């Protein structure tokens, strides 16, 4: 009798654990537009390598944060849904994340993507252009066809207001402090503030590799940033900017170490 009770208890624990994993695995079910940076990372995830195959890909609801897991070739990976979402949200500065893809099938349902079958599957042999075209077809990238813009009727005597658009591009220097590095990391960023977006490129000290990333500015002097490095490190966070081009940012890396930076003002 005791053996029977023990077996039932073990079965309950196993069922509870599986249920907990499934409960933490939340799939996206809303409109989503991926940033160029996240699209590039999804392409990297889809193509995998000879020793690793895609397992799970998570995305923040603003399209600027991500996290993904690989599975060793020949191994069957299970669970991890709750953990990848927690990490994705932390890297995205508490922006909520949902699961986007399992293996090479996009399961995020946005009203266009069915979430299963050939229509939702990405092939690893596809070129970057083909993958981006598929993401566009499914409504996740550069796709505004689902949004209808109504132009207000202008009466004859009404005067149109002309809004002067701000635009500027070029390069600025950046100094970044990263816990684990004794010295400041210096580099440059390229910016195109007509679209309030830009790219970041930084060489790491001690020949540790380079970091590439992007930033997005918002009205009110705030924004977000992300970088991914060739040494498998990465970081993300928030920033504040001024019209003269001075920017300060802060965040954390994948190991929860602090990262801060300052971007010089425009001359």
Protein backbone atom coordinates (compact mmCIF):
# COMPACT_ATOMS: atom_id res chain seq x y z
CA UNK A 1 0.00 0.00 0.00
CA UNK A 2 2.82 2.37 0.85
CA UNK A 3 4.49 1.64 -2.50
CA UNK A 4 1.25 2.46 -4.28
CA UNK A 5 0.90 5.78 -2.45
CA UNK A 6 4.51 6.63 -3.22
CA UNK A 7 3.99 5.92 -6.93
CA UNK A 8 0.85 8.05 -6.99
CA UNK A 9 2.75 10.87 -5.30
CA UNK A 10 5.55 10.68 -7.87
CA UNK A 11 2.99 10.72 -10.69
CA UNK A 12 1.33 13.80 -9.19
CA UNK A 13 4.70 15.61 -8.98
CA UNK A 14 5.50 14.76 -12.62
CA UNK A 15 2.06 15.91 -13.81
CA UNK A 16 2.33 19.11 -11.75
CA UNK A 17 5.80 19.85 -13.19
CA UNK A 18 4.65 19.31 -16.77
CA UNK A 19 1.61 21.51 -16.14
CA UNK A 20 3.84 24.24 -14.69
CA UNK A 21 6.10 24.19 -17.75
CA UNK A 22 3.09 24.42 -20.07
CA UNK A 23 1.57 27.22 -17.99
CA UNK A 24 4.75 29.26 -18.40
CA UNK A 25 4.79 28.71 -22.16
CA UNK A 26 2.69 31.58 -23.48
CA UNK A 27 2.33 31.97 -27.25
CA UNK A 28 1.75 35.39 -28.79
CA UNK A 29 -1.79 36.19 -29.98
CA UNK A 30 -1.80 39.81 -31.16
CA UNK A 31 -0.43 42.11 -33.85
CA UNK A 32 3.37 42.32 -33.85
CA UNK A 33 5.94 44.23 -35.89
CA UNK A 34 9.52 43.04 -35.54
CA UNK A 35 12.41 45.51 -35.59
CA UNK A 36 15.23 45.01 -38.09
CA UNK A 37 17.50 43.96 -35.22
CA UNK A 38 15.13 41.21 -34.00
CA UNK A 39 14.53 40.00 -37.58
CA UNK A 40 18.30 39.59 -38.04
CA UNK A 41 18.45 37.60 -34.79
CA UNK A 42 15.52 35.42 -35.88
CA UNK A 43 17.33 34.64 -39.15
CA UNK A 44 20.41 33.70 -37.11
CA UNK A 45 18.23 31.45 -34.93
CA UNK A 46 16.47 29.78 -37.90
CA UNK A 47 19.71 28.88 -39.68
CA UNK A 48 21.25 27.26 -36.58
CA UNK A 49 24.49 25.33 -37.06
CA UNK A 50 25.85 21.82 -37.55
CA UNK A 51 25.80 21.22 -33.79
CA UNK A 52 22.75 23.23 -32.75
CA UNK A 53 19.16 23.29 -33.95
CA UNK A 54 16.48 25.94 -33.23
CA UNK A 55 14.28 25.16 -30.23
CA UNK A 56 12.41 28.27 -28.94
CA UNK A 57 12.32 31.94 -29.94
CA UNK A 58 10.64 34.60 -27.75
CA UNK A 59 9.82 38.23 -28.63
CA UNK A 60 8.74 41.28 -26.60
CA UNK A 61 5.38 42.79 -27.54
CA UNK A 62 7.04 45.98 -28.81
CA UNK A 63 9.10 43.96 -31.33
CA UNK A 64 12.44 45.20 -29.96
CA UNK A 65 13.36 42.45 -27.48
CA UNK A 66 14.13 38.78 -28.04
CA UNK A 67 15.64 35.62 -26.59
CA UNK A 68 16.18 32.19 -28.09
CA UNK A 69 17.29 28.68 -27.14
CA UNK A 70 19.12 26.14 -29.25
CA UNK A 71 18.93 22.39 -28.79
CA UNK A 72 21.97 20.11 -29.39
CA UNK A 73 21.59 18.15 -32.62
CA UNK A 74 20.17 14.69 -31.99
CA UNK A 75 18.67 15.66 -28.63
CA UNK A 76 15.03 16.08 -27.75
CA UNK A 77 14.57 19.31 -25.77
CA UNK A 78 11.51 19.90 -23.61
CA UNK A 79 10.24 22.68 -21.33
CA UNK A 80 12.01 26.00 -20.86
CA UNK A 81 9.04 28.14 -21.93
CA UNK A 82 8.71 29.97 -18.64
CA UNK A 83 12.45 30.59 -18.30
CA UNK A 84 12.95 31.98 -21.80
CA UNK A 85 10.05 34.42 -21.31
CA UNK A 86 11.40 35.58 -17.97
CA UNK A 87 14.86 36.19 -19.47
CA UNK A 88 13.41 37.92 -22.54
CA UNK A 89 11.38 40.29 -20.35
CA UNK A 90 14.42 41.07 -18.20
CA UNK A 91 16.60 41.83 -21.24
CA UNK A 92 13.75 44.04 -22.57
CA UNK A 93 13.54 46.06 -19.32
CA UNK A 94 10.29 44.44 -18.15
CA UNK A 95 8.46 44.65 -21.48
CA UNK A 96 6.22 41.55 -21.63
CA UNK A 97 7.40 38.72 -23.91
CA UNK A 98 5.61 35.82 -25.57
CA UNK A 99 6.83 32.76 -27.47
CA UNK A 100 7.15 33.45 -31.20
CA UNK A 101 8.42 30.20 -32.71
CA UNK A 102 9.06 26.57 -31.82
CA UNK A 103 11.86 25.06 -33.90
CA UNK A 104 11.30 26.65 -37.35
CA UNK A 105 7.53 27.07 -37.12
CA UNK A 106 6.14 30.51 -36.24
CA UNK A 107 3.29 29.94 -33.78
CA UNK A 108 2.50 33.57 -32.92
CA UNK A 109 -1.09 34.16 -34.16
CA UNK A 110 -1.69 37.70 -35.37
CA UNK A 111 -4.80 37.18 -37.47
CA UNK A 112 -2.74 36.29 -40.56
CA UNK A 113 -0.39 33.52 -39.45
CA UNK A 114 -2.22 30.19 -38.85
CA UNK A 115 0.50 29.07 -36.43
CA UNK A 116 0.98 25.61 -37.92
CA UNK A 117 1.69 23.73 -41.13
CA UNK A 118 3.72 24.75 -44.18
CA UNK A 119 2.28 28.26 -44.18
CA UNK A 120 4.00 29.02 -40.86
CA UNK A 121 7.26 27.17 -41.40
CA UNK A 122 10.63 28.77 -42.24
CA UNK A 123 13.27 26.75 -44.07
CA UNK A 124 16.89 27.00 -42.94
CA UNK A 125 18.12 26.96 -46.55
CA UNK A 126 16.21 30.13 -47.42
CA UNK A 127 18.18 33.32 -48.01
CA UNK A 128 17.83 36.29 -45.67
CA UNK A 129 15.65 37.99 -48.30
CA UNK A 130 13.33 34.98 -48.54
CA UNK A 131 12.94 34.78 -44.76
CA UNK A 132 12.16 38.51 -44.54
CA UNK A 133 9.63 38.11 -47.35
CA UNK A 134 7.93 35.30 -45.43
CA UNK A 135 7.81 37.38 -42.25
CA UNK A 136 6.26 40.21 -44.28
CA UNK A 137 3.73 37.82 -45.83
CA UNK A 138 2.72 36.65 -42.35
CA UNK A 139 2.32 40.25 -41.14
CA UNK A 140 5.30 40.44 -38.78
CA UNK A 141 7.68 42.70 -40.72
CA UNK A 142 7.28 45.89 -42.76
CA UNK A 143 3.60 45.12 -43.17
CA UNK A 144 1.09 47.92 -42.61
CA UNK A 145 -1.54 46.60 -45.01
CA UNK A 146 -3.83 45.59 -42.16
CA UNK A 147 -4.03 49.17 -40.87
CA UNK A 148 -6.43 51.57 -42.55
CA UNK A 149 -5.60 55.27 -42.26
CA UNK A 150 -8.52 57.65 -42.61
CA UNK A 151 -7.61 61.08 -43.96
CA UNK A 152 -9.79 63.82 -42.46
CA UNK A 153 -11.78 65.92 -44.94
CA UNK A 154 -10.41 69.46 -45.28
CA UNK A 155 -12.91 72.24 -45.98
CA UNK A 156 -12.05 74.85 -48.61
CA UNK A 157 -11.50 77.61 -46.08
CA UNK A 158 -9.47 75.42 -43.74
CA UNK A 159 -5.73 76.04 -43.65
CA UNK A 160 -3.51 72.99 -43.65
CA UNK A 161 -0.89 72.85 -40.93
CA UNK A 162 2.56 72.04 -42.21
CA UNK A 163 4.66 70.07 -39.75
CA UNK A 164 8.38 70.45 -40.19
CA UNK A 165 10.01 67.04 -39.97
CA UNK A 166 13.27 66.65 -38.11
CA UNK A 167 16.06 64.64 -39.74
CA UNK A 168 19.77 64.24 -39.21
CA UNK A 169 22.31 61.49 -39.76
CA UNK A 170 25.98 60.82 -39.18
CA UNK A 171 28.24 59.35 -36.50
CA UNK A 172 28.84 60.05 -32.81
CA UNK A 173 31.36 58.68 -30.36
CA UNK A 174 30.21 56.47 -27.48
CA UNK A 175 31.87 55.56 -24.17
CA UNK A 176 30.48 52.49 -22.42
CA UNK A 177 31.16 50.96 -19.01
CA UNK A 178 30.43 47.25 -18.60
CA UNK A 179 30.81 45.36 -15.32
CA UNK A 180 33.67 42.91 -15.83
CA UNK A 181 35.77 45.32 -17.90
CA UNK A 182 38.11 47.61 -16.00
CA UNK A 183 38.36 50.28 -18.72
CA UNK A 184 35.74 52.18 -20.66
CA UNK A 185 34.77 50.71 -24.05
CA UNK A 186 35.00 53.33 -26.80
CA UNK A 187 33.41 53.17 -30.24
CA UNK A 188 31.03 54.88 -32.67
CA UNK A 189 27.35 54.75 -33.54
CA UNK A 190 25.70 55.56 -36.83
CA UNK A 191 22.39 57.38 -36.55
CA UNK A 192 19.53 58.31 -38.83
CA UNK A 193 17.18 60.34 -36.70
CA UNK A 194 14.73 60.99 -39.51
CA UNK A 195 13.26 57.63 -38.51
CA UNK A 196 14.41 57.94 -34.88
CA UNK A 197 16.39 54.76 -35.26
CA UNK A 198 20.08 53.93 -35.47
CA UNK A 199 22.71 51.21 -35.35
CA UNK A 200 25.51 50.59 -32.87
CA UNK A 201 28.93 49.05 -33.53
CA UNK A 202 31.48 48.56 -30.74
CA UNK A 203 34.82 46.73 -30.58
CA UNK A 204 35.37 44.99 -27.22
CA UNK A 205 38.70 45.25 -25.34
CA UNK A 206 41.17 42.36 -25.10
CA UNK A 207 40.20 41.10 -28.58
CA UNK A 208 36.95 39.77 -27.13
CA UNK A 209 35.10 40.50 -30.38
CA UNK A 210 32.63 43.15 -31.50
CA UNK A 211 29.07 44.13 -30.59
CA UNK A 212 26.38 45.15 -33.06
CA UNK A 213 22.98 46.46 -32.18
CA UNK A 214 20.34 49.11 -32.62
CA UNK A 215 18.40 51.79 -30.80
CA UNK A 216 14.96 53.31 -31.17
CA UNK A 217 14.04 56.81 -29.98
CA UNK A 218 10.60 57.85 -28.80
CA UNK A 219 8.87 61.18 -28.28
CA UNK A 220 9.54 62.69 -24.89
CA UNK A 221 13.27 61.98 -24.85
CA UNK A 222 13.18 58.25 -24.11
CA UNK A 223 14.07 55.10 -26.03
CA UNK A 224 15.38 51.54 -25.98
CA UNK A 225 18.60 49.84 -27.13
CA UNK A 226 20.04 46.36 -27.64
CA UNK A 227 23.41 44.89 -28.60
CA UNK A 228 24.58 41.36 -29.40
CA UNK A 229 28.27 40.46 -29.38
CA UNK A 230 30.36 37.86 -31.19
CA UNK A 231 31.46 36.36 -27.84
CA UNK A 232 27.82 35.30 -27.18
CA UNK A 233 27.28 38.20 -24.79
CA UNK A 234 24.59 40.82 -25.19
CA UNK A 235 22.76 43.57 -23.35
CA UNK A 236 19.65 45.72 -23.52
CA UNK A 237 18.14 48.68 -21.73
CA UNK A 238 16.68 52.16 -21.89
CA UNK A 239 18.10 55.55 -22.87
CA UNK A 240 17.42 59.27 -22.58
CA UNK A 241 18.26 61.75 -25.31
CA UNK A 242 18.19 65.46 -25.98
CA UNK A 243 17.61 67.38 -29.21
CA UNK A 244 21.27 68.36 -29.31
CA UNK A 245 22.19 64.69 -29.63
CA UNK A 246 23.50 63.94 -26.14
CA UNK A 247 22.37 60.49 -24.98
CA UNK A 248 22.77 58.47 -21.80
CA UNK A 249 21.76 54.85 -21.45
CA UNK A 250 21.71 52.03 -18.95
CA UNK A 251 20.78 48.37 -18.85
CA UNK A 252 22.00 44.88 -18.04
CA UNK A 253 23.68 42.04 -19.94
CA UNK A 254 22.68 38.37 -20.18
CA UNK A 255 24.45 37.70 -16.84
CA UNK A 256 22.59 40.60 -15.16
CA UNK A 257 25.74 42.78 -15.06
CA UNK A 258 25.28 46.55 -15.30
CA UNK A 259 25.97 48.38 -18.55
CA UNK A 260 26.04 52.20 -18.89
CA UNK A 261 27.01 54.49 -21.75
CA UNK A 262 27.22 58.10 -22.87
CA UNK A 263 26.99 59.32 -26.46
CA UNK A 264 28.60 62.64 -27.33
CA UNK A 265 26.56 65.64 -28.37
CA UNK A 266 26.43 66.69 -32.00
CA UNK A 267 29.04 69.28 -32.85
